[in-house]
Protein backbone atom coordinates (compact mmCIF):
# COMPACT_ATOMS: atom_id res chain seq x y z
CA MET A 1 0.21 -0.26 -0.07
CA ALA A 2 2.70 2.14 1.17
CA ALA A 3 4.77 1.53 -2.16
CA ASP A 4 1.87 2.41 -4.69
CA SER A 5 1.31 5.84 -2.49
CA GLU A 6 4.93 6.30 -3.11
CA LYS A 7 5.10 5.38 -6.97
CA THR A 8 1.79 8.33 -7.75
CA ALA A 9 3.65 11.06 -5.51
CA ALA A 10 6.92 10.63 -7.49
CA ALA A 11 4.94 10.05 -10.55
CA ALA A 12 3.06 13.22 -10.49
CA PRO A 13 4.13 16.16 -12.48
CA LYS A 14 5.90 18.88 -11.60
CA HIS A 15 4.14 22.17 -11.68
CA THR A 16 6.99 24.35 -13.25
CA LEU A 17 6.30 27.97 -14.69
CA VAL A 18 9.00 30.46 -17.25
CA GLY A 19 9.63 33.59 -16.11
CA ARG A 20 11.72 37.05 -16.11
CA VAL A 21 13.95 37.47 -13.31
CA VAL A 22 13.57 41.06 -12.23
CA SER A 23 15.49 41.10 -9.14
CA ASN A 24 19.05 38.75 -7.73
CA LYS A 25 20.08 41.02 -4.57
CA MET A 26 18.98 38.50 -2.42
CA HIS A 27 21.55 36.10 -1.26
CA LYS A 28 20.53 32.47 -3.17
CA THR A 29 17.06 34.38 -3.75
CA VAL A 30 15.65 35.78 -7.16
CA THR A 31 12.51 37.16 -7.63
CA VAL A 32 11.01 35.92 -10.53
CA LEU A 33 7.89 37.95 -12.93
CA ILE A 34 5.34 35.40 -14.41
CA GLU A 35 3.22 37.09 -16.85
CA ARG A 36 0.00 35.47 -18.21
CA ARG A 37 -2.78 36.70 -20.76
CA VAL A 38 -5.85 36.17 -19.35
CA ARG A 39 -9.46 37.16 -21.38
CA HIS A 40 -11.72 39.70 -19.79
CA PRO A 41 -14.91 37.87 -18.61
CA VAL A 42 -17.32 40.79 -20.26
CA TYR A 43 -15.57 42.32 -23.06
CA GLY A 44 -13.33 39.42 -24.07
CA LYS A 45 -10.08 41.22 -24.52
CA TYR A 46 -6.99 39.62 -23.37
CA LEU A 47 -5.34 41.12 -20.77
CA VAL A 48 -1.89 40.63 -19.51
CA ARG A 49 -1.68 39.82 -15.56
CA SER A 50 1.83 39.13 -13.82
CA THR A 51 2.78 37.23 -10.50
CA ARG A 52 5.78 37.95 -8.87
CA LEU A 53 7.35 35.04 -7.07
CA HIS A 54 10.76 34.04 -4.71
CA ALA A 55 12.71 31.26 -6.03
CA HIS A 56 15.54 29.54 -4.41
CA ASP A 57 18.59 29.79 -7.04
CA GLU A 58 21.61 28.01 -5.08
CA THR A 59 24.19 28.41 -7.20
CA ASP A 60 23.30 32.25 -7.67
CA SER A 61 23.61 31.93 -11.46
CA ALA A 62 20.58 33.50 -12.59
CA GLY A 63 20.89 37.32 -13.26
CA GLU A 64 18.66 40.23 -13.71
CA GLY A 65 16.70 40.18 -16.99
CA ASP A 66 17.56 36.01 -17.35
CA LEU A 67 14.67 33.88 -18.12
CA VAL A 68 14.48 31.11 -16.09
CA GLU A 69 12.27 27.64 -15.35
CA ILE A 70 10.61 27.13 -12.03
CA VAL A 71 9.62 24.25 -10.23
CA GLU A 72 7.48 24.01 -7.31
CA THR A 73 8.73 22.35 -4.42
CA ARG A 74 8.43 22.50 -0.27
CA PRO A 75 8.22 25.51 1.87
CA LEU A 76 11.70 27.06 1.70
CA SER A 77 10.85 29.82 4.02
CA ARG A 78 8.13 32.28 4.55
CA THR A 79 8.00 33.49 0.74
CA LYS A 80 9.94 30.65 -0.99
CA ASN A 81 8.08 27.96 -2.53
CA TRP A 82 10.19 27.56 -5.93
CA ILE A 83 13.37 26.51 -7.05
CA VAL A 84 15.21 27.96 -10.52
CA THR A 85 15.89 24.48 -12.30
CA ARG A 86 17.80 25.91 -15.05
CA VAL A 87 18.59 29.38 -17.52
CA ILE A 88 16.93 29.12 -20.43
CA GLU A 89 17.91 33.10 -21.86
CA SER A 90 20.66 35.14 -20.63
CA ALA A 91 19.90 39.08 -20.83
CA ARG A 92 21.27 40.84 -22.88
CA ASN A 93 23.78 43.44 -21.49
CA VAL A 94 23.76 46.73 -23.57
């Protein structure tokens, strides 16, 4: 019985999001801006809504402006429930 529930939990798909790093001033923590398009219920116009999430970055590899993939995990602190899995695209330095 216990082995079946462990397999189910391990096989569950992980909740991943892609967003842009807006701040990396904290030690091993980045702030990621997630933007999504939602349709207005009455007028039908598509609006851009955003969410800012704190994510754990163990190697401090993500810089400001980088496009990163984050995955949901257990609570690491009061505000951190996400971990940076990879940097998809580095920011262009002007």
